[in-house]
Amino acid sequence: MSQPKKHSPKPGQEKPAAGQGKRGGKRKGMCLEDRPILEPNAAGIDIGAREIFVAVTPDRAEDPVQIFSTFTEDLERMAQWLVSCGVSTVAMESTGVYFALSSALIGRVQVPLALG
């Protein structure tokens, strides 16, 4: 299989240097390493129609990001994994109604949701 060709950018379309925004100014915000841990026992969950991405802090699991299917047995496995990682609160993101069953299963195993 051949490697894709890399095209040089057109004049005026060069990428900004690291740490620079599109307009040449310094980027706002902190890098990940500089951000404080506000809730060490929290997990983040991104819920989609077919897959659920779950992340815990790296000290909680060998593979801190897991992907689960949306079938009931997979959601139950996800809830048990969260408990085994010592998670006591979760923040969920969902663009549809897919959060309902996940929320119910997480609540059954005593992991309260972080609202806000």
C-alpha atoms as a PDB file:
ATOM      1  CA  MET A   1       0.000   0.000   0.000  1.00  0.00           C
ATOM      2  CA  SER A   2       1.451   3.350  -0.945  1.00  0.00           C
ATOM      3  CA  GLN A   3       1.852   6.157   1.538  1.00  0.00           C
ATOM      4  CA  PRO A   4      -0.417   9.194   1.110  1.00  0.00           C
ATOM      5  CA  LYS A   5       1.345  12.170  -0.421  1.00  0.00           C
ATOM      6  CA  LYS A   6       1.939  15.176   1.773  1.00  0.00           C
ATOM      7  CA  HIS A   7       1.158  18.439   0.098  1.00  0.00           C
ATOM      8  CA  SER A   8       2.965  21.573   1.079  1.00  0.00           C
ATOM      9  CA  PRO A   9       0.571  24.304   2.219  1.00  0.00           C
ATOM     10  CA  LYS A  10      -0.259  27.134  -0.119  1.00  0.00           C
ATOM     11  CA  PRO A  11       1.335  30.484   0.651  1.00  0.00           C
ATOM     12  CA  GLY A  12      -0.467  32.139   3.540  1.00  0.00           C
ATOM     13  CA  GLN A  13      -2.007  28.823   4.690  1.00  0.00           C
ATOM     14  CA  GLU A  14       0.878  27.534   6.782  1.00  0.00           C
ATOM     15  CA  LYS A  15      -0.081  26.018  10.122  1.00  0.00           C
ATOM     16  CA  PRO A  16       0.648  28.201  13.142  1.00  0.00           C
ATOM     17  CA  ALA A  17       3.542  27.208  15.367  1.00  0.00           C
ATOM     18  CA  ALA A  18       2.818  25.167  18.490  1.00  0.00           C
ATOM     19  CA  GLY A  19       1.164  27.339  21.112  1.00  0.00           C
ATOM     20  CA  GLN A  20      -0.036  29.856  18.525  1.00  0.00           C
ATOM     21  CA  GLY A  21      -3.635  30.366  17.489  1.00  0.00           C
ATOM     22  CA  LYS A  22      -4.908  30.654  13.925  1.00  0.00           C
ATOM     23  CA  ARG A  23      -4.450  34.404  13.950  1.00  0.00           C
ATOM     24  CA  GLY A  24      -0.938  34.300  15.374  1.00  0.00           C
ATOM     25  CA  GLY A  25      -1.918  35.096  18.964  1.00  0.00           C
ATOM     26  CA  LYS A  26      -1.088  32.948  21.968  1.00  0.00           C
ATOM     27  CA  ARG A  27      -3.676  30.240  22.675  1.00  0.00           C
ATOM     28  CA  LYS A  28      -5.773  30.718  25.768  1.00  0.00           C
ATOM     29  CA  GLY A  29      -6.234  28.011  28.353  1.00  0.00           C
ATOM     30  CA  MET A  30      -4.009  25.496  30.055  1.00  0.00           C
ATOM     31  CA  CYS A  31      -2.393  22.364  28.748  1.00  0.00           C
ATOM     32  CA  LEU A  32      -3.781  19.158  30.209  1.00  0.00           C
ATOM     33  CA  GLU A  33      -0.896  18.656  32.631  1.00  0.00           C
ATOM     34  CA  ASP A  34      -1.470  22.109  34.167  1.00  0.00           C
ATOM     35  CA  ARG A  35      -5.171  21.632  34.885  1.00  0.00           C
ATOM     36  CA  PRO A  36      -6.073  20.853  38.487  1.00  0.00           C
ATOM     37  CA  ILE A  37      -7.896  17.631  39.311  1.00  0.00           C
ATOM     38  CA  LEU A  38     -11.155  18.826  40.833  1.00  0.00           C
ATOM     39  CA  GLU A  39     -12.735  15.428  41.467  1.00  0.00           C
ATOM     40  CA  PRO A  40     -10.197  12.570  41.601  1.00  0.00           C
ATOM     41  CA  ASN A  41     -12.890   9.885  41.809  1.00  0.00           C
ATOM     42  CA  ALA A  42     -14.732  11.072  38.697  1.00  0.00           C
ATOM     43  CA  ALA A  43     -15.120   9.485  35.277  1.00  0.00           C
ATOM     44  CA  GLY A  44     -16.143  11.033  31.980  1.00  0.00           C
ATOM     45  CA  ILE A  45     -18.621   9.304  29.699  1.00  0.00           C
ATOM     46  CA  ASP A  46     -19.393  10.205  26.076  1.00  0.00           C
ATOM     47  CA  ILE A  47     -22.571   8.418  25.013  1.00  0.00           C
ATOM     48  CA  GLY A  48     -23.417   7.712  21.402  1.00  0.00           C
ATOM     49  CA  ALA A  49     -26.012   5.606  19.646  1.00  0.00           C
ATOM     50  CA  ARG A  50     -23.679   2.610  19.153  1.00  0.00           C
ATOM     51  CA  GLU A  51     -20.688   3.181  21.445  1.00  0.00           C
ATOM     52  CA  ILE A  52     -19.958   4.643  24.843  1.00  0.00           C
ATOM     53  CA  PHE A  53     -16.487   6.007  25.596  1.00  0.00           C
ATOM     54  CA  VAL A  54     -15.592   6.002  29.286  1.00  0.00           C
ATOM     55  CA  ALA A  55     -12.452   7.575  30.765  1.00  0.00           C
ATOM     56  CA  VAL A  56     -11.046   7.449  34.285  1.00  0.00           C
ATOM     57  CA  THR A  57      -7.834   8.988  35.598  1.00  0.00           C
ATOM     58  CA  PRO A  58      -4.733   7.040  34.501  1.00  0.00           C
ATOM     59  CA  ASP A  59      -3.975   5.878  38.047  1.00  0.00           C
ATOM     60  CA  ARG A  60      -7.316   4.009  38.221  1.00  0.00           C
ATOM     61  CA  ALA A  61      -6.868   1.463  35.429  1.00  0.00           C
ATOM     62  CA  GLU A  62      -4.217   0.013  33.141  1.00  0.00           C
ATOM     63  CA  ASP A  63      -6.355   1.103  30.179  1.00  0.00           C
ATOM     64  CA  PRO A  64      -8.054   4.274  31.453  1.00  0.00           C
ATOM     65  CA  VAL A  65     -10.239   4.729  28.362  1.00  0.00           C
ATOM     66  CA  GLN A  66     -12.695   1.959  27.547  1.00  0.00           C
ATOM     67  CA  ILE A  67     -15.280   1.614  24.785  1.00  0.00           C
ATOM     68  CA  PHE A  68     -18.533  -0.188  25.514  1.00  0.00           C
ATOM     69  CA  SER A  69     -21.430  -1.153  23.259  1.00  0.00           C
ATOM     70  CA  THR A  70     -24.904   0.056  24.126  1.00  0.00           C
ATOM     71  CA  PHE A  71     -26.452  -3.332  24.884  1.00  0.00           C
ATOM     72  CA  THR A  72     -27.684  -3.886  28.434  1.00  0.00           C
ATOM     73  CA  GLU A  73     -24.997  -6.429  29.333  1.00  0.00           C
ATOM     74  CA  ASP A  74     -22.311  -4.012  28.102  1.00  0.00           C
ATOM     75  CA  LEU A  75     -23.786  -1.174  30.166  1.00  0.00           C
ATOM     76  CA  GLU A  76     -23.806  -3.423  33.231  1.00  0.00           C
ATOM     77  CA  ARG A  77     -20.143  -4.292  32.536  1.00  0.00           C
ATOM     78  CA  MET A  78     -19.393  -0.564  32.219  1.00  0.00           C
ATOM     79  CA  ALA A  79     -21.043   0.171  35.565  1.00  0.00           C
ATOM     80  CA  GLN A  80     -19.077  -2.613  37.267  1.00  0.00           C
ATOM     81  CA  TRP A  81     -15.830  -1.347  35.698  1.00  0.00           C
ATOM     82  CA  LEU A  82     -16.529   2.130  37.083  1.00  0.00           C
ATOM     83  CA  VAL A  83     -17.066   0.671  40.553  1.00  0.00           C
ATOM     84  CA  SER A  84     -13.856  -1.396  40.285  1.00  0.00           C
ATOM     85  CA  CYS A  85     -11.983   1.823  39.390  1.00  0.00           C
ATOM     86  CA  GLY A  86     -13.244   3.507  42.550  1.00  0.00           C
ATOM     87  CA  VAL A  87     -15.371   6.024  40.672  1.00  0.00           C
ATOM     88  CA  SER A  88     -17.863   7.857  42.872  1.00  0.00           C
ATOM     89  CA  THR A  89     -19.208  10.386  40.350  1.00  0.00           C
ATOM     90  CA  VAL A  90     -19.512  10.630  36.586  1.00  0.00           C
ATOM     91  CA  ALA A  91     -19.998  13.415  34.055  1.00  0.00           C
ATOM     92  CA  MET A  92     -21.930  12.286  30.993  1.00  0.00           C
ATOM     93  CA  GLU A  93     -22.227  13.897  27.575  1.00  0.00           C
ATOM     94  CA  SER A  94     -24.922  12.785  25.200  1.00  0.00           C
ATOM     95  CA  THR A  95     -26.319  14.448  22.104  1.00  0.00           C
ATOM     96  CA  GLY A  96     -29.525  12.441  22.191  1.00  0.00           C
ATOM     97  CA  VAL A  97     -31.654  10.353  24.506  1.00  0.00           C
ATOM     98  CA  TYR A  98     -29.062   7.580  24.752  1.00  0.00           C
ATOM     99  CA  PHE A  99     -28.092   8.578  28.300  1.00  0.00           C
ATOM    100  CA  ALA A 100     -31.315   7.283  29.905  1.00  0.00           C
ATOM    101  CA  LEU A 101     -30.430   3.578  30.274  1.00  0.00           C
ATOM    102  CA  SER A 102     -26.792   4.303  31.093  1.00  0.00           C
ATOM    103  CA  SER A 103     -27.863   6.704  33.821  1.00  0.00           C
ATOM    104  CA  ALA A 104     -30.311   4.188  35.252  1.00  0.00           C
ATOM    105  CA  LEU A 105     -27.710   1.399  35.349  1.00  0.00           C
ATOM    106  CA  ILE A 106     -25.046   3.639  36.866  1.00  0.00           C
ATOM    107  CA  GLY A 107     -27.536   4.745  39.519  1.00  0.00           C
ATOM    108  CA  ARG A 108     -28.271   1.103  40.365  1.00  0.00           C
ATOM    109  CA  VAL A 109     -24.655   0.568  41.396  1.00  0.00           C
ATOM    110  CA  GLN A 110     -24.525   3.712  43.545  1.00  0.00           C
ATOM    111  CA  VAL A 111     -22.436   5.951  41.273  1.00  0.00           C
ATOM    112  CA  PRO A 112     -24.085   9.408  41.433  1.00  0.00           C
ATOM    113  CA  LEU A 113     -24.031  11.630  38.386  1.00  0.00           C
ATOM    114  CA  ALA A 114     -22.211  14.953  38.436  1.00  0.00           C
ATOM    115  CA  LEU A 115     -24.697  17.565  37.327  1.00  0.00           C
ATOM    116  CA  GLY A 116     -23.819  21.024  36.235  1.00  0.00           C
END
